[in-house]
Amino acid sequence: QHVVAYRDSLPYAWFCSRPRKIRAFSFGD
């Protein structure tokens, strides 16, 4: 199982299980 963890208004998120930062796009982006 792999997940993406994110939080309101952060410009990035974390792809897990081995954590790696990825971009979190807003619709405006």
Full PDB file with SEQRES, HELIX, SHEET, SSBOND, CRYST1, ORIGX, SCALE, CONECT and MASTER records, all heavy atoms in Angstrom:
SEQRES   1 A   29  GLN HIS VAL VAL ALA TYR ARG ASP SER LEU PRO TYR ALA          
SEQRES   2 A   29  TRP PHE CYS SER ARG PRO ARG LYS ILE ARG ALA PHE SER          
SEQRES   3 A   29  PHE GLY ASP                                                  
SHEET    1 AA1 3 VAL A   3  ALA A   5  0                                        
SHEET    2 AA1 3 TYR A  12  CYS A  16 -1                                        
SHEET    3 AA1 3 ARG A  20  ARG A  23 -1                                        
CRYST1    1.000    1.000    1.000  90.00  90.00  90.00 P 1           1          
ORIGX1      1.000000  0.000000  0.000000        0.00000                         
ORIGX2      0.000000  1.000000  0.000000        0.00000                         
ORIGX3      0.000000  0.000000  1.000000        0.00000                         
SCALE1      1.000000  0.000000  0.000000        0.00000                         
SCALE2      0.000000  1.000000  0.000000        0.00000                         
SCALE3      0.000000  0.000000  1.000000        0.00000                         
ATOM      1  N   GLN A   1       0.831  -1.198   0.000  1.00  0.00           N  
ATOM      2  CA  GLN A   1       0.000   0.000   0.000  1.00  0.00           C  
ATOM      3  C   GLN A   1       0.866   1.249   0.000  1.00  0.00           C  
ATOM      4  O   GLN A   1       1.789   1.369   0.799  1.00  0.00           O  
ATOM      5  CB  GLN A   1      -0.906   0.031   1.237  1.00  0.00           C  
ATOM      6  CG  GLN A   1      -1.815   1.243   1.307  1.00  0.00           C  
ATOM      7  CD  GLN A   1      -2.864   1.254   0.210  1.00  0.00           C  
ATOM      8  OE1 GLN A   1      -3.807   0.493   0.243  1.00  0.00           O  
ATOM      9  NE2 GLN A   1      -2.701   2.123  -0.782  1.00  0.00           N  
ATOM     10  N   HIS A   2       0.575   2.179  -0.890  1.00  0.00           N  
ATOM     11  CA  HIS A   2       1.290   3.454  -0.952  1.00  0.00           C  
ATOM     12  C   HIS A   2       0.260   4.583  -0.861  1.00  0.00           C  
ATOM     13  O   HIS A   2      -0.863   4.457  -1.354  1.00  0.00           O  
ATOM     14  CB  HIS A   2       2.112   3.566  -2.228  1.00  0.00           C  
ATOM     15  CG  HIS A   2       3.211   2.549  -2.296  1.00  0.00           C  
ATOM     16  ND1 HIS A   2       4.417   2.716  -1.656  1.00  0.00           N  
ATOM     17  CD2 HIS A   2       3.260   1.343  -2.904  1.00  0.00           C  
ATOM     18  CE1 HIS A   2       5.180   1.657  -1.870  1.00  0.00           C  
ATOM     19  NE2 HIS A   2       4.509   0.811  -2.629  1.00  0.00           N  
ATOM     20  N   VAL A   3       0.666   5.666  -0.233  1.00  0.00           N  
ATOM     21  CA  VAL A   3      -0.249   6.774   0.022  1.00  0.00           C  
ATOM     22  C   VAL A   3       0.449   8.095  -0.274  1.00  0.00           C  
ATOM     23  O   VAL A   3       1.678   8.165  -0.372  1.00  0.00           O  
ATOM     24  CB  VAL A   3      -0.745   6.775   1.490  1.00  0.00           C  
ATOM     25  CG1 VAL A   3      -1.429   5.458   1.837  1.00  0.00           C  
ATOM     26  CG2 VAL A   3       0.394   7.065   2.465  1.00  0.00           C  
ATOM     27  N   VAL A   4      -0.373   9.134  -0.403  1.00  0.00           N  
ATOM     28  CA  VAL A   4       0.116  10.506  -0.471  1.00  0.00           C  
ATOM     29  C   VAL A   4      -0.476  11.239   0.727  1.00  0.00           C  
ATOM     30  O   VAL A   4      -1.693  11.263   0.913  1.00  0.00           O  
ATOM     31  CB  VAL A   4      -0.288  11.193  -1.785  1.00  0.00           C  
ATOM     32  CG1 VAL A   4       0.125  12.670  -1.760  1.00  0.00           C  
ATOM     33  CG2 VAL A   4       0.345  10.485  -2.976  1.00  0.00           C  
ATOM     34  N   ALA A   5       0.401  11.808   1.547  1.00  0.00           N  
ATOM     35  CA  ALA A   5      -0.028  12.538   2.737  1.00  0.00           C  
ATOM     36  C   ALA A   5       0.122  14.030   2.473  1.00  0.00           C  
ATOM     37  O   ALA A   5       1.177  14.485   2.010  1.00  0.00           O  
ATOM     38  CB  ALA A   5       0.811  12.125   3.948  1.00  0.00           C  
ATOM     39  N   TYR A   6      -0.932  14.797   2.775  1.00  0.00           N  
ATOM     40  CA  TYR A   6      -0.898  16.227   2.497  1.00  0.00           C  
ATOM     41  C   TYR A   6      -1.703  16.986   3.535  1.00  0.00           C  
ATOM     42  O   TYR A   6      -2.511  16.411   4.279  1.00  0.00           O  
ATOM     43  CB  TYR A   6      -1.422  16.516   1.089  1.00  0.00           C  
ATOM     44  CG  TYR A   6      -2.879  16.168   0.865  1.00  0.00           C  
ATOM     45  CD1 TYR A   6      -3.881  17.135   0.950  1.00  0.00           C  
ATOM     46  CD2 TYR A   6      -3.266  14.865   0.535  1.00  0.00           C  
ATOM     47  CE1 TYR A   6      -5.215  16.825   0.731  1.00  0.00           C  
ATOM     48  CE2 TYR A   6      -4.603  14.547   0.318  1.00  0.00           C  
ATOM     49  CZ  TYR A   6      -5.565  15.528   0.423  1.00  0.00           C  
ATOM     50  OH  TYR A   6      -6.881  15.214   0.207  1.00  0.00           O  
ATOM     51  N   ARG A   7      -1.504  18.275   3.556  1.00  0.00           N  
ATOM     52  CA  ARG A   7      -2.189  19.129   4.524  1.00  0.00           C  
ATOM     53  C   ARG A   7      -2.646  20.409   3.832  1.00  0.00           C  
ATOM     54  O   ARG A   7      -2.047  20.837   2.832  1.00  0.00           O  
ATOM     55  CB  ARG A   7      -1.244  19.467   5.689  1.00  0.00           C  
ATOM     56  CG  ARG A   7      -1.969  19.980   6.926  1.00  0.00           C  
ATOM     57  CD  ARG A   7      -1.036  19.952   8.138  1.00  0.00           C  
ATOM     58  NE  ARG A   7      -1.774  20.258   9.361  1.00  0.00           N  
ATOM     59  CZ  ARG A   7      -1.943  21.492   9.824  1.00  0.00           C  
ATOM     60  NH1 ARG A   7      -1.424  22.525   9.197  1.00  0.00           N  
ATOM     61  NH2 ARG A   7      -2.631  21.697  10.938  1.00  0.00           N  
ATOM     62  N   ASP A   8      -3.690  21.033   4.345  1.00  0.00           N  
ATOM     63  CA  ASP A   8      -4.221  22.259   3.740  1.00  0.00           C  
ATOM     64  C   ASP A   8      -3.107  23.268   3.490  1.00  0.00           C  
ATOM     65  O   ASP A   8      -2.291  23.545   4.378  1.00  0.00           O  
ATOM     66  CB  ASP A   8      -5.239  22.932   4.678  1.00  0.00           C  
ATOM     67  CG  ASP A   8      -6.431  22.040   4.961  1.00  0.00           C  
ATOM     68  OD1 ASP A   8      -6.315  20.829   4.741  1.00  0.00           O  
ATOM     69  OD2 ASP A   8      -7.455  22.567   5.403  1.00  0.00           O  
ATOM     70  N   SER A   9      -3.113  23.814   2.269  1.00  0.00           N  
ATOM     71  CA  SER A   9      -2.290  24.975   1.904  1.00  0.00           C  
ATOM     72  C   SER A   9      -0.798  24.687   1.795  1.00  0.00           C  
ATOM     73  O   SER A   9      -0.027  25.597   1.477  1.00  0.00           O  
ATOM     74  CB  SER A   9      -2.503  26.139   2.892  1.00  0.00           C  
ATOM     75  OG  SER A   9      -3.876  26.480   2.954  1.00  0.00           O  
ATOM     76  N   LEU A  10      -0.343  23.469   2.041  1.00  0.00           N  
ATOM     77  CA  LEU A  10       1.072  23.169   1.828  1.00  0.00           C  
ATOM     78  C   LEU A  10       1.335  23.049   0.327  1.00  0.00           C  
ATOM     79  O   LEU A  10       0.560  22.410  -0.388  1.00  0.00           O  
ATOM     80  CB  LEU A  10       1.461  21.850   2.493  1.00  0.00           C  
ATOM     81  CG  LEU A  10       1.805  21.853   3.984  1.00  0.00           C  
ATOM     82  CD1 LEU A  10       2.203  20.440   4.424  1.00  0.00           C  
ATOM     83  CD2 LEU A  10       2.916  22.833   4.296  1.00  0.00           C  
ATOM     84  N   PRO A  11       2.430  23.614  -0.181  1.00  0.00           N  
ATOM     85  CA  PRO A  11       2.723  23.506  -1.614  1.00  0.00           C  
ATOM     86  C   PRO A  11       3.355  22.169  -1.992  1.00  0.00           C  
ATOM     87  O   PRO A  11       3.723  21.956  -3.140  1.00  0.00           O  
ATOM     88  CB  PRO A  11       3.709  24.653  -1.845  1.00  0.00           C  
ATOM     89  CG  PRO A  11       4.408  24.812  -0.532  1.00  0.00           C  
ATOM     90  CD  PRO A  11       3.381  24.497   0.519  1.00  0.00           C  
ATOM     91  N   TYR A  12       3.499  21.286  -1.038  1.00  0.00           N  
ATOM     92  CA  TYR A  12       4.075  19.966  -1.303  1.00  0.00           C  
ATOM     93  C   TYR A  12       3.322  18.931  -0.471  1.00  0.00           C  
ATOM     94  O   TYR A  12       2.549  19.247   0.438  1.00  0.00           O  
ATOM     95  CB  TYR A  12       5.567  19.934  -0.966  1.00  0.00           C  
ATOM     96  CG  TYR A  12       5.877  20.275   0.478  1.00  0.00           C  
ATOM     97  CD1 TYR A  12       5.858  19.297   1.469  1.00  0.00           C  
ATOM     98  CD2 TYR A  12       6.180  21.582   0.850  1.00  0.00           C  
ATOM     99  CE1 TYR A  12       6.129  19.620   2.797  1.00  0.00           C  
ATOM    100  CE2 TYR A  12       6.450  21.906   2.168  1.00  0.00           C  
ATOM    101  CZ  TYR A  12       6.426  20.915   3.136  1.00  0.00           C  
ATOM    102  OH  TYR A  12       6.685  21.223   4.441  1.00  0.00           O  
ATOM    103  N   ALA A  13       3.551  17.660  -0.823  1.00  0.00           N  
ATOM    104  CA  ALA A  13       2.977  16.539  -0.079  1.00  0.00           C  
ATOM    105  C   ALA A  13       4.068  15.488   0.038  1.00  0.00           C  
ATOM    106  O   ALA A  13       5.191  15.670  -0.446  1.00  0.00           O  
ATOM    107  CB  ALA A  13       1.747  15.999  -0.801  1.00  0.00           C  
ATOM    108  N   TRP A  14       3.719  14.363   0.672  1.00  0.00           N  
ATOM    109  CA  TRP A  14       4.685  13.283   0.851  1.00  0.00           C  
ATOM    110  C   TRP A  14       4.126  11.986   0.272  1.00  0.00           C  
ATOM    111  O   TRP A  14       3.039  11.556   0.638  1.00  0.00           O  
ATOM    112  CB  TRP A  14       5.009  13.089   2.323  1.00  0.00           C  
ATOM    113  CG  TRP A  14       5.793  14.229   2.908  1.00  0.00           C  
ATOM    114  CD1 TRP A  14       5.298  15.319   3.566  1.00  0.00           C  
ATOM    115  CD2 TRP A  14       7.208  14.389   2.867  1.00  0.00           C  
ATOM    116  NE1 TRP A  14       6.314  16.157   3.943  1.00  0.00           N  
ATOM    117  CE2 TRP A  14       7.503  15.609   3.526  1.00  0.00           C  
ATOM    118  CE3 TRP A  14       8.264  13.631   2.351  1.00  0.00           C  
ATOM    119  CZ2 TRP A  14       8.801  16.080   3.682  1.00  0.00           C  
ATOM    120  CZ3 TRP A  14       9.561  14.099   2.503  1.00  0.00           C  
ATOM    121  CH2 TRP A  14       9.814  15.310   3.158  1.00  0.00           C  
ATOM    122  N   PHE A  15       4.892  11.399  -0.660  1.00  0.00           N  
ATOM    123  CA  PHE A  15       4.572  10.080  -1.168  1.00  0.00           C  
ATOM    124  C   PHE A  15       5.223   9.056  -0.259  1.00  0.00           C  
ATOM    125  O   PHE A  15       6.431   9.111  -0.001  1.00  0.00           O  
ATOM    126  CB  PHE A  15       5.070   9.931  -2.607  1.00  0.00           C  
ATOM    127  CG  PHE A  15       4.980   8.524  -3.136  1.00  0.00           C  
ATOM    128  CD1 PHE A  15       3.752   7.906  -3.266  1.00  0.00           C  
ATOM    129  CD2 PHE A  15       6.119   7.821  -3.500  1.00  0.00           C  
ATOM    130  CE1 PHE A  15       3.652   6.607  -3.746  1.00  0.00           C  
ATOM    131  CE2 PHE A  15       6.037   6.531  -3.985  1.00  0.00           C  
ATOM    132  CZ  PHE A  15       4.806   5.923  -4.108  1.00  0.00           C  
ATOM    133  N   CYS A  16       4.441   8.125   0.268  1.00  0.00           N  
ATOM    134  CA  CYS A  16       4.945   7.125   1.207  1.00  0.00           C  
ATOM    135  C   CYS A  16       4.541   5.742   0.678  1.00  0.00           C  
ATOM    136  O   CYS A  16       3.576   5.621  -0.067  1.00  0.00           O  
ATOM    137  CB  CYS A  16       4.333   7.340   2.595  1.00  0.00           C  
ATOM    138  SG  CYS A  16       4.615   9.009   3.257  1.00  0.00           S  
ATOM    139  N   SER A  17       5.330   4.658   0.951  1.00  0.00           N  
ATOM    140  CA  SER A  17       5.854   4.360   2.260  1.00  0.00           C  
ATOM    141  C   SER A  17       7.285   4.852   2.509  1.00  0.00           C  
ATOM    142  O   SER A  17       7.620   5.194   3.648  1.00  0.00           O  
ATOM    143  CB  SER A  17       5.793   2.843   2.473  1.00  0.00           C  
ATOM    144  OG  SER A  17       6.446   2.172   1.407  1.00  0.00           O  
ATOM    145  N   ARG A  18       8.154   4.854   1.541  1.00  0.00           N  
ATOM    146  CA  ARG A  18       9.449   5.501   1.724  1.00  0.00           C  
ATOM    147  C   ARG A  18       9.261   6.968   1.382  1.00  0.00           C  
ATOM    148  O   ARG A  18       9.131   7.323   0.199  1.00  0.00           O  
ATOM    149  CB  ARG A  18      10.504   4.868   0.817  1.00  0.00           C  
ATOM    150  CG  ARG A  18      10.832   3.427   1.166  1.00  0.00           C  
ATOM    151  CD  ARG A  18      11.942   2.893   0.293  1.00  0.00           C  
ATOM    152  NE  ARG A  18      12.254   1.512   0.622  1.00  0.00           N  
ATOM    153  CZ  ARG A  18      13.176   0.790  -0.017  1.00  0.00           C  
ATOM    154  NH1 ARG A  18      13.845   1.330  -1.047  1.00  0.00           N  
ATOM    155  NH2 ARG A  18      13.402  -0.457   0.344  1.00  0.00           N  
ATOM    156  N   PRO A  19       9.229   7.834   2.368  1.00  0.00           N  
ATOM    157  CA  PRO A  19       8.793   9.216   2.129  1.00  0.00           C  
ATOM    158  C   PRO A  19       9.627   9.950   1.087  1.00  0.00           C  
ATOM    159  O   PRO A  19      10.856   9.902   1.096  1.00  0.00           O  
ATOM    160  CB  PRO A  19       8.929   9.853   3.513  1.00  0.00           C  
ATOM    161  CG  PRO A  19       8.821   8.716   4.474  1.00  0.00           C  
ATOM    162  CD  PRO A  19       9.488   7.566   3.790  1.00  0.00           C  
ATOM    163  N   ARG A  20       8.907  10.611   0.186  1.00  0.00           N  
ATOM    164  CA  ARG A  20       9.528  11.446  -0.839  1.00  0.00           C  
ATOM    165  C   ARG A  20       8.602  12.620  -1.109  1.00  0.00           C  
ATOM    166  O   ARG A  20       7.396  12.440  -1.290  1.00  0.00           O  
ATOM    167  CB  ARG A  20       9.776  10.636  -2.111  1.00  0.00           C  
ATOM    168  CG  ARG A  20      10.332  11.444  -3.277  1.00  0.00           C  
ATOM    169  CD  ARG A  20      10.821  10.534  -4.390  1.00  0.00           C  
ATOM    170  NE  ARG A  20       9.816   9.579  -4.823  1.00  0.00           N  
ATOM    171  CZ  ARG A  20       8.857   9.844  -5.715  1.00  0.00           C  
ATOM    172  NH1 ARG A  20       8.767  11.075  -6.238  1.00  0.00           N  
ATOM    173  NH2 ARG A  20       7.997   8.915  -6.071  1.00  0.00           N  
ATOM    174  N   LYS A  21       9.175  13.818  -1.132  1.00  0.00           N  
ATOM    175  CA  LYS A  21       8.373  15.020  -1.308  1.00  0.00           C  
ATOM    176  C   LYS A  21       7.948  15.150  -2.772  1.00  0.00           C  
ATOM    177  O   LYS A  21       8.742  14.942  -3.694  1.00  0.00           O  
ATOM    178  CB  LYS A  21       9.171  16.252  -0.874  1.00  0.00           C  
ATOM    179  CG  LYS A  21       8.360  17.525  -0.780  1.00  0.00           C  
ATOM    180  CD  LYS A  21       9.230  18.715  -0.353  1.00  0.00           C  
ATOM    181  CE  LYS A  21       9.628  18.635   1.102  1.00  0.00           C  
ATOM    182  NZ  LYS A  21      10.301  19.879   1.555  1.00  0.00           N  
ATOM    183  N   ILE A  22       6.667  15.512  -2.989  1.00  0.00           N  
ATOM    184  CA  ILE A  22       6.148  15.774  -4.322  1.00  0.00           C  
ATOM    185  C   ILE A  22       5.370  17.087  -4.284  1.00  0.00           C  
ATOM    186  O   ILE A  22       4.988  17.562  -3.216  1.00  0.00           O  
ATOM    187  CB  ILE A  22       5.239  14.638  -4.830  1.00  0.00           C  
ATOM    188  CG1 ILE A  22       4.018  14.470  -3.911  1.00  0.00           C  
ATOM    189  CG2 ILE A  22       6.014  13.334  -4.969  1.00  0.00           C  
ATOM    190  CD1 ILE A  22       2.996  13.482  -4.437  1.00  0.00           C  
ATOM    191  N   ARG A  23       5.121  17.658  -5.453  1.00  0.00           N  
ATOM    192  CA  ARG A  23       4.386  18.923  -5.507  1.00  0.00           C  
ATOM    193  C   ARG A  23       2.895  18.699  -5.304  1.00  0.00           C  
ATOM    194  O   ARG A  23       2.331  17.709  -5.760  1.00  0.00           O  
ATOM    195  CB  ARG A  23       4.623  19.616  -6.845  1.00  0.00           C  
ATOM    196  CG  ARG A  23       5.984  20.254  -6.992  1.00  0.00           C  
ATOM    197  CD  ARG A  23       6.165  20.873  -8.364  1.00  0.00           C  
ATOM    198  NE  ARG A  23       6.225  19.860  -9.409  1.00  0.00           N  
ATOM    199  CZ  ARG A  23       6.363  20.123 -10.704  1.00  0.00           C  
ATOM    200  NH1 ARG A  23       6.432  21.398 -11.107  1.00  0.00           N  
ATOM    201  NH2 ARG A  23       6.420  19.144 -11.584  1.00  0.00           N  
ATOM    202  N   ALA A  24       2.297  19.625  -4.606  1.00  0.00           N  
ATOM    203  CA  ALA A  24       0.838  19.658  -4.440  1.00  0.00           C  
ATOM    204  C   ALA A  24       0.341  20.865  -5.230  1.00  0.00           C  
ATOM    205  O   ALA A  24       0.616  22.019  -4.876  1.00  0.00           O  
ATOM    206  CB  ALA A  24       0.465  19.777  -2.971  1.00  0.00           C  
ATOM    207  N   PHE A  25      -0.399  20.613  -6.306  1.00  0.00           N  
ATOM    208  CA  PHE A  25      -0.855  21.679  -7.185  1.00  0.00           C  
ATOM    209  C   PHE A  25      -2.240  22.168  -6.753  1.00  0.00           C  
ATOM    210  O   PHE A  25      -3.124  21.357  -6.458  1.00  0.00           O  
ATOM    211  CB  PHE A  25      -0.953  21.193  -8.631  1.00  0.00           C  
ATOM    212  CG  PHE A  25       0.349  20.780  -9.237  1.00  0.00           C  
ATOM    213  CD1 PHE A  25       0.747  19.456  -9.211  1.00  0.00           C  
ATOM    214  CD2 PHE A  25       1.171  21.720  -9.840  1.00  0.00           C  
ATOM    215  CE1 PHE A  25       1.954  19.064  -9.778  1.00  0.00           C  
ATOM    216  CE2 PHE A  25       2.383  21.338 -10.409  1.00  0.00           C  
ATOM    217  CZ  PHE A  25       2.777  20.003 -10.373  1.00  0.00           C  
ATOM    218  N   SER A  26      -2.411  23.473  -6.741  1.00  0.00           N  
ATOM    219  CA  SER A  26      -3.762  24.014  -6.658  1.00  0.00           C  
ATOM    220  C   SER A  26      -4.326  24.056  -8.066  1.00  0.00           C  
ATOM    221  O   SER A  26      -3.593  23.925  -9.061  1.00  0.00           O  
ATOM    222  CB  SER A  26      -3.741  25.430  -6.078  1.00  0.00           C  
ATOM    223  OG  SER A  26      -3.136  26.336  -7.008  1.00  0.00           O  
ATOM    224  N   PHE A  27      -5.650  24.247  -8.179  1.00  0.00           N  
ATOM    225  CA  PHE A  27      -6.221  24.316  -9.511  1.00  0.00           C  
ATOM    226  C   PHE A  27      -5.651  25.503 -10.289  1.00  0.00           C  
ATOM    227  O   PHE A  27      -5.426  25.410 -11.494  1.00  0.00           O  
ATOM    228  CB  PHE A  27      -7.748  24.393  -9.476  1.00  0.00           C  
ATOM    229  CG  PHE A  27      -8.342  24.271 -10.835  1.00  0.00           C  
ATOM    230  CD1 PHE A  27      -8.454  23.044 -11.451  1.00  0.00           C  
ATOM    231  CD2 PHE A  27      -8.742  25.394 -11.536  1.00  0.00           C  
ATOM    232  CE1 PHE A  27      -8.965  22.931 -12.733  1.00  0.00           C  
ATOM    233  CE2 PHE A  27      -9.262  25.288 -12.812  1.00  0.00           C  
ATOM    234  CZ  PHE A  27      -9.371  24.052 -13.407  1.00  0.00           C  
ATOM    235  N   GLY A  28      -5.395  26.598  -9.594  1.00  0.00           N  
ATOM    236  CA  GLY A  28      -4.811  27.755 -10.267  1.00  0.00           C  
ATOM    237  C   GLY A  28      -3.459  27.459 -10.883  1.00  0.00           C  
ATOM    238  O   GLY A  28      -3.080  28.057 -11.897  1.00  0.00           O  
ATOM    239  N   ASP A  29      -2.716  26.504 -10.294  1.00  0.00           N  
ATOM    240  CA  ASP A  29      -1.395  26.152 -10.824  1.00  0.00           C  
ATOM    241  C   ASP A  29      -1.471  25.520 -12.206  1.00  0.00           C  
ATOM    242  O   ASP A  29      -0.497  25.591 -12.972  1.00  0.00           O  
ATOM    243  CB  ASP A  29      -0.682  25.179  -9.876  1.00  0.00           C  
ATOM    244  CG  ASP A  29      -0.325  25.792  -8.535  1.00  0.00           C  
ATOM    245  OD1 ASP A  29      -0.105  27.023  -8.485  1.00  0.00           O  
ATOM    246  OD2 ASP A  29      -0.246  25.045  -7.542  1.00  0.00           O  
TER     247      ASP A  29                                                      
MASTER        0    0    0    0    3    0    0    6  246    1    0    3          
END                                                                             
